[in-house]
Protein backbone atom coordinates (compact mmCIF):
# COMPACT_ATOMS: atom_id res chain seq x y z
CA MET A 1 37.39 -27.04 -2.19
CA GLY A 2 37.74 -24.24 0.33
CA ALA A 3 39.66 -24.80 3.54
CA ARG A 4 37.51 -26.13 6.35
CA LEU A 5 36.57 -23.30 8.66
CA PRO A 6 36.42 -23.78 12.43
CA HIS A 7 33.10 -24.41 14.12
CA PRO A 8 31.72 -21.60 16.25
CA ALA A 9 32.76 -21.94 19.84
CA SER A 10 29.30 -21.62 21.35
CA ASP A 11 26.58 -24.16 20.67
CA GLY A 12 24.12 -22.80 23.19
CA ALA A 13 25.07 -25.52 25.68
CA PRO A 14 27.11 -25.14 28.87
CA GLY A 15 30.39 -26.83 29.56
CA GLY A 16 31.22 -27.31 25.89
CA LEU A 17 28.71 -30.16 25.52
CA ARG A 18 27.33 -30.44 22.00
CA TRP A 19 23.81 -31.25 20.95
CA PRO A 20 22.31 -33.78 21.54
CA ALA A 21 24.70 -34.91 24.28
CA LEU A 22 23.22 -32.50 26.82
CA ALA A 23 19.68 -33.62 25.95
CA LEU A 24 20.61 -37.27 26.54
CA LEU A 25 22.26 -36.41 29.87
CA SER A 26 19.20 -34.36 30.88
CA TRP A 27 16.82 -37.23 30.18
CA ALA A 28 19.11 -39.66 32.02
CA ALA A 29 19.09 -37.34 35.05
CA CYS A 30 15.29 -37.20 34.99
CA PHE A 31 15.02 -40.99 34.90
CA ALA A 32 17.58 -41.29 37.70
CA VAL A 33 15.55 -38.94 39.92
CA TRP A 34 12.34 -40.79 39.06
CA ARG A 35 13.85 -44.16 39.99
CA LEU A 36 15.59 -42.82 43.09
CA PHE A 37 12.51 -41.24 44.64
CA GLY A 38 9.82 -43.50 43.18
CA PRO A 39 9.02 -44.72 40.76
CA ASP A 40 5.61 -43.13 41.32
CA TRP A 41 3.72 -40.02 40.26
CA PRO A 42 5.17 -37.62 42.85
CA ALA A 43 8.65 -38.65 41.72
CA ALA A 44 7.57 -38.21 38.11
CA ILE A 45 6.46 -34.65 38.85
CA VAL A 46 9.81 -33.87 40.49
CA ALA A 47 11.71 -35.41 37.57
CA SER A 48 9.62 -33.48 35.05
CA GLY A 49 10.41 -30.29 36.95
CA LEU A 50 14.10 -31.13 36.71
CA GLY A 51 13.62 -31.52 32.96
CA LEU A 52 12.16 -28.03 32.75
CA ILE A 53 15.14 -26.62 34.66
CA LEU A 54 17.64 -28.40 32.42
CA ALA A 55 15.73 -27.28 29.32
CA GLY A 56 16.37 -23.69 30.37
CA LEU A 57 20.10 -24.22 29.82
CA HIS A 58 19.52 -24.04 26.07
CA ARG A 59 19.17 -20.80 24.10
CA GLN A 60 17.09 -22.19 21.25
CA THR A 61 13.36 -22.62 21.85
CA TRP A 62 13.15 -25.86 19.86
CA ARG A 63 15.85 -27.47 21.99
CA ARG A 64 14.16 -26.36 25.18
CA LEU A 65 10.93 -28.00 24.02
CA ILE A 66 12.68 -31.25 23.11
CA VAL A 67 14.53 -31.50 26.44
CA ALA A 68 11.46 -30.55 28.50
CA ALA A 69 9.13 -32.97 26.69
CA GLY A 70 11.52 -35.92 26.47
CA PHE A 71 11.04 -37.41 29.95
CA PRO A 72 7.23 -36.99 30.21
CA LEU A 73 6.73 -38.54 26.76
CA ALA A 74 9.06 -41.42 27.56
CA LEU A 75 7.27 -42.00 30.86
CA LEU A 76 3.92 -41.98 29.10
CA PHE A 77 4.97 -44.65 26.64
CA THR A 78 6.68 -46.83 29.23
CA GLY A 79 3.23 -47.37 30.72
CA THR A 80 2.12 -49.15 27.54
CA ASP A 81 2.83 -52.69 26.36
CA LEU A 82 5.44 -51.54 23.84
CA PRO A 83 8.67 -53.60 23.91
CA ALA A 84 11.74 -51.88 25.31
CA TRP A 85 13.62 -52.07 21.99
CA ILE A 86 11.01 -49.83 20.34
CA TRP A 87 13.03 -46.81 21.54
CA LEU A 88 15.88 -47.87 19.26
CA ILE A 89 13.77 -47.05 16.19
CA PRO A 90 13.49 -43.25 16.69
CA LEU A 91 17.11 -43.21 17.90
CA ALA A 92 18.25 -44.94 14.69
CA VAL A 93 16.20 -42.54 12.57
CA LEU A 94 17.73 -39.58 14.43
CA VAL A 95 21.27 -40.87 13.90
CA LEU A 96 20.68 -41.52 10.20
CA ALA A 97 18.96 -38.19 9.58
CA TYR A 98 21.47 -36.19 11.65
CA PRO A 99 25.00 -37.65 11.57
CA ARG A 100 27.28 -36.34 14.29
CA ARG A 101 29.06 -33.92 11.93
CA GLY A 102 25.72 -32.25 11.24
CA TRP A 103 24.80 -31.55 14.89
CA SER A 104 26.30 -28.06 14.79
CA ASP A 105 24.28 -27.03 11.72
CA ALA A 106 20.66 -26.02 11.60
CA PRO A 107 17.84 -28.41 12.54
CA LEU A 108 15.18 -29.38 10.03
CA PHE A 109 13.20 -26.13 9.77
CA PRO A 110 11.72 -25.99 6.25
CA THR A 111 11.55 -22.80 4.24
CA PRO A 112 7.92 -21.73 3.60
CA HIS A 113 7.33 -22.17 -0.13
CA ASP A 114 6.19 -18.57 -0.69
CA ALA A 115 8.81 -16.97 1.57
CA LEU A 116 11.09 -15.94 -1.32
CA ARG A 117 8.49 -14.60 -3.75
CA ALA A 118 9.53 -10.95 -3.23
CA LEU A 119 13.20 -11.69 -3.92
CA PRO A 120 13.27 -11.23 -7.74
CA GLU A 121 11.97 -7.64 -7.46
CA ARG A 122 15.13 -6.57 -5.61
CA LEU A 123 17.51 -9.20 -6.91
CA PRO A 124 16.82 -10.15 -10.55
CA LEU A 125 18.83 -13.06 -11.95
CA HIS A 126 19.51 -13.86 -15.58
CA ASP A 127 18.27 -17.13 -17.08
CA GLY A 128 20.76 -19.88 -16.44
CA ALA A 129 22.17 -18.31 -13.27
CA ARG A 130 23.34 -20.86 -10.69
CA VAL A 131 21.55 -20.78 -7.34
CA LEU A 132 22.74 -22.88 -4.40
CA ASP A 133 20.77 -23.88 -1.31
CA ALA A 134 23.54 -24.60 1.19
CA GLY A 135 22.13 -27.10 3.68
CA CYS A 136 19.00 -27.90 1.68
CA GLY A 137 17.43 -30.46 4.04
CA LEU A 138 14.33 -31.95 2.43
CA GLY A 139 14.41 -29.42 -0.42
CA ASP A 140 11.84 -26.87 0.76
CA GLY A 141 14.28 -24.01 0.13
CA LEU A 142 14.84 -25.28 -3.40
CA VAL A 143 11.09 -25.40 -3.99
CA ALA A 144 10.76 -21.80 -2.77
CA LEU A 145 13.71 -20.69 -4.93
CA ARG A 146 12.20 -22.34 -8.00
CA ARG A 147 8.92 -20.50 -7.44
CA ALA A 148 10.86 -17.23 -7.32
CA TYR A 149 13.31 -17.97 -10.18
CA PRO A 150 11.86 -20.56 -12.58
CA GLY A 151 14.54 -19.94 -15.23
CA VAL A 152 17.76 -20.55 -13.27
CA ARG A 153 19.84 -23.64 -12.46
CA PHE A 154 19.45 -25.06 -8.98
CA ALA A 155 21.91 -26.88 -6.76
CA GLY A 156 21.82 -28.05 -3.16
CA ILE A 157 24.19 -29.44 -0.55
CA GLU A 158 23.05 -31.71 2.27
CA TYR A 159 25.20 -33.77 4.65
CA SER A 160 22.52 -36.12 6.03
CA PRO A 161 22.22 -39.16 3.72
CA VAL A 162 18.52 -39.56 4.52
CA LEU A 163 17.64 -35.92 3.84
CA TRP A 164 19.90 -35.85 0.78
CA LEU A 165 18.10 -38.85 -0.76
CA LEU A 166 14.65 -37.45 -0.01
CA ALA A 167 15.61 -34.05 -1.42
CA ARG A 168 16.86 -35.68 -4.63
CA LEU A 169 13.62 -37.59 -5.02
CA ARG A 170 11.58 -34.49 -4.28
CA CYS A 171 13.59 -32.07 -6.47
CA PRO A 172 14.77 -34.03 -9.55
CA TRP A 173 15.26 -30.73 -11.40
CA ALA A 174 18.04 -29.69 -8.99
CA GLU A 175 21.62 -30.94 -8.74
CA ILE A 176 21.91 -31.99 -5.10
CA ALA A 177 25.26 -33.11 -3.72
CA ARG A 178 25.79 -34.97 -0.48
CA GLY A 179 28.50 -33.24 1.52
CA ASP A 180 29.52 -30.63 4.05
CA LEU A 181 28.17 -27.21 3.07
CA TRP A 182 31.22 -25.59 4.70
CA ALA A 183 33.71 -27.73 2.75
CA GLN A 184 31.98 -27.57 -0.65
CA SER A 185 32.96 -24.62 -2.82
CA TRP A 186 30.59 -21.67 -3.36
CA ARG A 187 32.78 -20.17 -6.10
CA ASP A 188 30.61 -20.83 -9.17
CA THR A 189 27.34 -19.59 -7.71
CA ASP A 190 25.40 -16.44 -8.52
CA LEU A 191 23.31 -16.70 -5.36
CA VAL A 192 23.71 -18.73 -2.18
CA TYR A 193 20.64 -19.23 -0.01
CA LEU A 194 20.94 -20.08 3.69
CA PHE A 195 18.48 -20.96 6.41
CA GLN A 196 20.92 -21.87 9.14
CA ARG A 197 21.16 -20.55 12.71
CA PRO A 198 22.71 -17.47 14.35
CA GLU A 199 25.91 -19.27 15.38
CA SER A 200 26.56 -20.25 11.75
CA MET A 201 26.44 -16.75 10.30
CA PRO A 202 30.03 -15.63 11.09
CA ARG A 203 31.19 -18.76 9.30
CA ALA A 204 28.95 -17.99 6.33
CA LEU A 205 30.35 -14.45 6.17
CA ASP A 206 33.94 -15.73 6.05
CA LYS A 207 33.11 -18.28 3.37
CA ALA A 208 31.27 -15.74 1.20
CA ARG A 209 34.16 -13.29 1.44
CA SER A 210 36.79 -15.87 0.56
CA GLU A 211 35.00 -17.83 -2.17
CA MET A 212 32.14 -15.99 -3.85
CA ARG A 213 32.48 -13.58 -6.78
CA PRO A 214 32.02 -9.86 -6.03
CA ASP A 215 28.87 -9.71 -8.19
CA ALA A 216 27.28 -12.71 -6.43
CA TRP A 217 24.62 -12.60 -3.72
CA LEU A 218 24.08 -14.16 -0.32
CA VAL A 219 20.53 -14.49 0.98
CA SER A 220 19.72 -15.58 4.54
CA LEU A 221 16.30 -16.33 5.96
CA ASP A 222 15.80 -14.96 9.49
CA PHE A 223 19.44 -14.57 10.56
CA PRO A 224 21.61 -11.60 9.45
CA LEU A 225 25.35 -11.63 8.91
CA PRO A 226 27.12 -10.11 11.93
CA GLY A 227 28.12 -6.48 11.58
CA GLN A 228 27.08 -6.18 7.92
CA ALA A 229 24.68 -3.71 6.34
CA VAL A 230 22.04 -5.44 4.27
CA PHE A 231 21.45 -4.61 0.63
CA ALA A 232 17.77 -5.29 1.28
CA GLN A 233 15.61 -6.68 4.05
CA LEU A 234 12.38 -8.14 2.73
CA GLU A 235 9.15 -9.20 4.31
CA THR A 236 8.07 -12.70 3.35
CA GLY A 237 4.39 -12.73 4.26
CA THR A 238 5.32 -15.13 7.08
CA ARG A 239 6.99 -14.68 10.46
CA HIS A 240 10.35 -14.86 8.69
CA ALA A 241 12.47 -11.98 7.38
CA LEU A 242 14.81 -12.18 4.41
CA HIS A 243 18.30 -10.61 4.50
CA VAL A 244 19.95 -9.90 1.14
CA TYR A 245 23.70 -9.17 0.76
CA ARG A 246 25.88 -8.31 -2.24
CA VAL A 247 29.25 -10.02 -1.86
CA ARG A 248 31.28 -6.98 -2.95
CA ASP A 249 29.74 -5.05 -0.05
CA LEU A 250 30.80 -7.76 2.39
CA ARG A 251 34.44 -7.26 1.41
CA GLY A 252 34.29 -3.61 2.41
């Protein structure tokens, strides 16, 4: 096991608050404004406007959308005959799918299944090579890797117990471990695939340098390693770009 590396300082939220704490506080503020000045439709409009302002505190588009839409959707459903405890169901699903230790990693954005098809032309792997999807989610990255490299051995790491179980059921041909992708070793891999987020990439660079063999490869969808020249940058036929790195080049 490699030593646990520190989390990046910035999570895209002010005041050091970590996701989803700021989202919960934002929704609570919207409801407080709605109750204080209403509750009626003018107050709902003001509260929704507050939600839009608070959503702008986030850097990531997906978080802005979640924060902005949370109060209007909740208000819409409170006008129905649904029991109050019904809100505990999505909350429980969220907690199970995203344990607190996983909040600083990437959200569930699946890899398009054909996004890696150009990879073998620039990065051929021998049969039996070991390929790791670090943070595999539901297994979409593993599916895309298998389409690109049908003759290699596949492994995945996923911290969420729900996503880990679903990935195992979906990809029985892969060895999928439940654990922290930053604590699990990358030493015995020929290629590590990542689809994380920009804040995670300095951490990935440090881990690749300290653990991976010089002849191994690191491949990142969308987000480049900071300050590193790519071995290849490939188009995927989607809105995503693929960044390919040889580990020996990362060690300078």
